[in-house]
């Protein structure tokens, strides 16, 4: 199903001893990294061709894989404010906003939304929201599934079930790490031309795929 429909699914099924019954299926959020590695594994097993992979992975997913990682040394020196469950990879730095009212007052600069969120809040996120730290949600919950879709589509880090070591004040500059689920005070330096989550070989493949899309976008 994943290869045929270009998307991962949660499937419920049963077996009556003779036949396999598919009860229901729904699309499942999957990170760009997991999708890329799934497709690469399909190539190695001759389940899919390289040309098909070019069609099945989007430019946005490729860009997300090339986001510079946070410098581990800089993270070690920084103040860690909070820890949560990461549902969308990436990292971002912005000013803390804790309500929709504050959000409307800071539409001209990058912000990190820190609040208990509803499905409506996630769907209506303004473009200047570069990261989300939600006090509610849990693995497998409906709102977390929605957040994962939005995070992968927008390429922004989203963290749920945030446990704060101290209060994050409105207007405070923070950096959110969607790989580890951590939030740090201030701006954290990024690594240049290296990654902690993809190999050099994977980077070369990703860059080659992205170059093809940029050179001949009409083919995709």
Protein backbone atom coordinates (compact mmCIF):
# COMPACT_ATOMS: atom_id res chain seq x y z
CA UNK A 1 0.00 0.00 0.00
CA UNK A 2 2.77 2.44 0.90
CA UNK A 3 4.55 2.02 -2.42
CA UNK A 4 1.38 1.83 -4.50
CA UNK A 5 -0.29 4.90 -2.96
CA UNK A 6 2.89 6.84 -2.10
CA UNK A 7 1.92 7.13 1.54
CA UNK A 8 2.13 5.17 4.80
CA UNK A 9 -1.02 3.81 6.43
CA UNK A 10 -2.25 2.47 9.75
CA UNK A 11 -4.09 -0.77 8.95
CA UNK A 12 -6.40 -2.87 11.10
CA UNK A 13 -6.92 -6.44 9.96
CA UNK A 14 -7.99 -9.87 11.16
CA UNK A 15 -7.57 -13.42 9.94
CA UNK A 16 -10.38 -16.00 10.13
CA UNK A 17 -8.15 -18.99 9.47
CA UNK A 18 -8.60 -18.88 5.71
CA UNK A 19 -8.82 -15.28 4.65
CA UNK A 20 -7.20 -11.99 5.61
CA UNK A 21 -9.77 -9.23 6.22
CA UNK A 22 -8.75 -5.57 6.01
CA UNK A 23 -11.01 -3.77 8.52
CA UNK A 24 -9.93 -0.18 8.05
CA UNK A 25 -7.01 1.92 6.92
CA UNK A 26 -6.00 5.53 7.41
CA UNK A 27 -3.00 7.56 6.43
CA UNK A 28 -0.20 7.60 9.00
CA UNK A 29 2.25 10.44 9.58
CA UNK A 30 5.84 9.56 8.80
CA UNK A 31 8.87 11.80 8.93
CA UNK A 32 10.73 12.76 5.74
CA UNK A 33 13.75 10.81 7.02
CA UNK A 34 11.75 7.62 7.59
CA UNK A 35 10.08 7.95 4.19
CA UNK A 36 13.42 8.51 2.45
CA UNK A 37 14.99 5.47 4.12
CA UNK A 38 11.94 3.34 3.36
CA UNK A 39 12.25 4.23 -0.33
CA UNK A 40 16.00 3.62 -0.35
CA UNK A 41 15.42 0.22 1.26
CA UNK A 42 12.89 -0.52 -1.48
CA UNK A 43 15.56 0.16 -4.11
CA UNK A 44 18.02 -2.18 -2.39
CA UNK A 45 15.38 -4.96 -2.38
CA UNK A 46 14.40 -4.36 -6.02
CA UNK A 47 10.87 -3.42 -4.93
CA UNK A 48 11.07 0.00 -6.54
CA UNK A 49 13.27 1.82 -9.04
CA UNK A 50 15.36 4.96 -8.56
CA UNK A 51 13.14 6.73 -11.09
CA UNK A 52 10.05 5.89 -9.01
CA UNK A 53 11.74 7.25 -5.88
CA UNK A 54 12.28 10.57 -7.65
CA UNK A 55 8.51 10.80 -8.12
CA UNK A 56 7.55 9.59 -4.64
CA UNK A 57 9.57 12.04 -2.55
CA UNK A 58 8.78 15.76 -2.66
CA UNK A 59 11.10 18.76 -2.77
CA UNK A 60 9.79 19.88 0.65
CA UNK A 61 10.71 16.50 2.13
CA UNK A 62 14.20 16.74 0.63
CA UNK A 63 14.70 20.27 1.96
CA UNK A 64 13.63 19.09 5.42
CA UNK A 65 16.39 16.47 5.40
CA UNK A 66 19.03 19.14 4.75
CA UNK A 67 18.12 21.43 7.67
CA UNK A 68 21.38 22.02 9.65
CA UNK A 69 21.44 20.25 13.02
CA UNK A 70 22.03 22.08 16.28
CA UNK A 71 25.64 22.09 17.46
CA UNK A 72 25.90 19.53 20.33
CA UNK A 73 28.58 21.60 22.09
CA UNK A 74 26.42 24.72 21.93
CA UNK A 75 23.48 22.73 23.31
CA UNK A 76 25.60 21.46 26.19
CA UNK A 77 26.46 25.06 27.17
CA UNK A 78 22.89 26.34 26.84
CA UNK A 79 20.11 26.38 29.41
CA UNK A 80 17.60 23.61 28.73
CA UNK A 81 14.17 24.95 29.57
CA UNK A 82 11.90 22.05 28.68
CA UNK A 83 11.63 18.49 27.38
CA UNK A 84 8.77 16.89 25.48
CA UNK A 85 7.87 14.30 22.86
CA UNK A 86 9.08 15.24 19.38
CA UNK A 87 6.61 14.52 16.57
CA UNK A 88 8.24 16.54 13.76
CA UNK A 89 11.95 16.86 12.99
CA UNK A 90 13.91 20.07 12.44
CA UNK A 91 14.86 22.98 14.64
CA UNK A 92 14.02 26.64 14.87
CA UNK A 93 14.62 29.80 16.91
CA UNK A 94 11.92 32.33 17.69
CA UNK A 95 10.17 34.46 20.29
CA UNK A 96 7.80 32.70 22.70
CA UNK A 97 4.08 33.39 22.32
CA UNK A 98 1.57 31.76 24.64
CA UNK A 99 -1.78 32.72 23.13
CA UNK A 100 -3.48 33.57 19.86
CA UNK A 101 -3.70 37.20 21.01
CA UNK A 102 0.08 37.43 21.42
CA UNK A 103 0.50 35.65 18.09
CA UNK A 104 -1.43 38.40 16.30
CA UNK A 105 0.88 41.01 17.81
CA UNK A 106 4.06 39.36 16.48
CA UNK A 107 3.16 38.46 12.92
CA UNK A 108 6.31 40.12 11.55
CA UNK A 109 8.90 37.87 13.25
CA UNK A 110 9.52 34.15 13.86
CA UNK A 111 7.74 32.80 16.92
CA UNK A 112 7.49 29.54 18.88
CA UNK A 113 3.96 28.83 20.08
CA UNK A 114 3.91 27.46 23.65
CA UNK A 115 0.39 26.53 24.78
CA UNK A 116 -2.21 23.82 25.20
CA UNK A 117 -3.41 23.37 21.62
CA UNK A 118 -6.57 22.33 19.86
CA UNK A 119 -6.95 20.86 16.38
CA UNK A 120 -8.18 24.27 15.18
CA UNK A 121 -5.05 25.98 16.55
CA UNK A 122 -2.80 23.64 14.57
CA UNK A 123 -4.71 23.95 11.31
CA UNK A 124 -4.72 27.76 11.51
CA UNK A 125 -1.04 28.30 12.37
CA UNK A 126 0.23 31.57 10.82
CA UNK A 127 3.27 31.36 8.55
CA UNK A 128 5.55 33.05 11.10
CA UNK A 129 5.15 30.14 13.57
CA UNK A 130 8.48 28.32 13.21
CA UNK A 131 7.97 25.83 16.06
CA UNK A 132 5.29 24.49 18.40
CA UNK A 133 5.61 23.32 22.01
CA UNK A 134 2.28 21.92 23.20
CA UNK A 135 1.52 21.21 26.83
CA UNK A 136 -1.04 18.56 25.89
CA UNK A 137 -1.09 15.56 23.54
CA UNK A 138 0.47 12.13 23.67
CA UNK A 139 1.87 9.52 21.30
CA UNK A 140 -0.95 8.03 19.23
CA UNK A 141 -3.49 10.74 20.04
CA UNK A 142 -5.54 12.32 17.25
CA UNK A 143 -4.10 15.79 17.78
CA UNK A 144 -0.55 14.43 17.65
CA UNK A 145 -1.27 12.77 14.29
CA UNK A 146 -2.54 16.09 12.94
CA UNK A 147 0.51 17.88 14.32
CA UNK A 148 2.85 15.40 12.64
CA UNK A 149 1.17 16.02 9.26
CA UNK A 150 1.44 19.78 9.70
CA UNK A 151 5.01 19.59 10.92
CA UNK A 152 6.12 17.48 7.96
CA UNK A 153 4.23 19.70 5.50
CA UNK A 154 5.50 22.98 6.92
CA UNK A 155 8.94 21.63 7.91
CA UNK A 156 8.65 22.96 11.45
CA UNK A 157 9.57 21.20 14.73
CA UNK A 158 6.59 20.26 16.91
CA UNK A 159 6.82 18.91 20.47
CA UNK A 160 3.98 17.56 22.64
CA UNK A 161 3.61 16.76 26.36
CA UNK A 162 6.12 19.49 27.19
CA UNK A 163 7.51 19.39 30.74
CA UNK A 164 9.10 22.75 31.58
CA UNK A 165 11.88 23.24 34.11
CA UNK A 166 10.86 26.89 34.40
CA UNK A 167 8.32 29.29 32.94
CA UNK A 168 8.91 30.34 29.34
CA UNK A 169 8.12 34.04 29.22
CA UNK A 170 6.31 35.76 26.37
CA UNK A 171 8.83 37.39 24.03
CA UNK A 172 11.72 35.23 25.29
CA UNK A 173 14.04 33.93 22.55
CA UNK A 174 14.19 30.11 22.52
CA UNK A 175 15.43 27.33 20.25
CA UNK A 176 13.30 24.21 19.76
CA UNK A 177 14.88 20.91 18.74
CA UNK A 178 12.47 18.59 16.96
CA UNK A 179 14.98 15.74 16.94
CA UNK A 180 15.33 15.40 20.73
CA UNK A 181 12.19 17.20 21.93
CA UNK A 182 14.20 19.79 23.86
CA UNK A 183 13.78 23.56 24.19
CA UNK A 184 16.73 25.83 25.01
CA UNK A 185 17.04 29.46 26.04
CA UNK A 186 18.45 31.76 23.35
CA UNK A 187 19.75 31.02 19.88
CA UNK A 188 21.77 27.79 19.43
CA UNK A 189 24.47 27.60 16.75
CA UNK A 190 23.92 25.18 13.86
CA UNK A 191 26.39 22.74 12.34
CA UNK A 192 27.68 23.64 8.90
CA UNK A 193 27.73 21.03 6.10
CA UNK A 194 27.30 18.04 8.41
CA UNK A 195 24.41 16.19 9.96
CA UNK A 196 23.83 14.08 13.04
CA UNK A 197 20.87 12.17 11.56
CA UNK A 198 21.85 11.46 7.93
CA UNK A 199 25.06 9.92 6.59
CA UNK A 200 27.30 11.58 4.02
CA UNK A 201 26.13 9.03 1.45
CA UNK A 202 22.49 9.88 2.20
CA UNK A 203 23.28 13.60 1.92
CA UNK A 204 24.78 13.10 -1.54
CA UNK A 205 21.70 11.16 -2.66
CA UNK A 206 19.34 13.82 -1.24
CA UNK A 207 21.28 16.66 -2.87
CA UNK A 208 21.28 14.82 -6.23
CA UNK A 209 17.50 14.27 -6.04
CA UNK A 210 16.94 17.91 -5.15
CA UNK A 211 19.19 19.12 -7.96
CA UNK A 212 17.14 17.13 -10.50
CA UNK A 213 13.93 18.69 -9.22
CA UNK A 214 15.35 22.20 -9.39
CA UNK A 215 16.79 21.73 -12.87
CA UNK A 216 13.67 20.13 -14.36
CA UNK A 217 10.69 20.89 -12.13
CA UNK A 218 8.26 20.15 -14.98
CA UNK A 219 9.20 16.46 -14.79
CA UNK A 220 7.67 16.21 -11.32
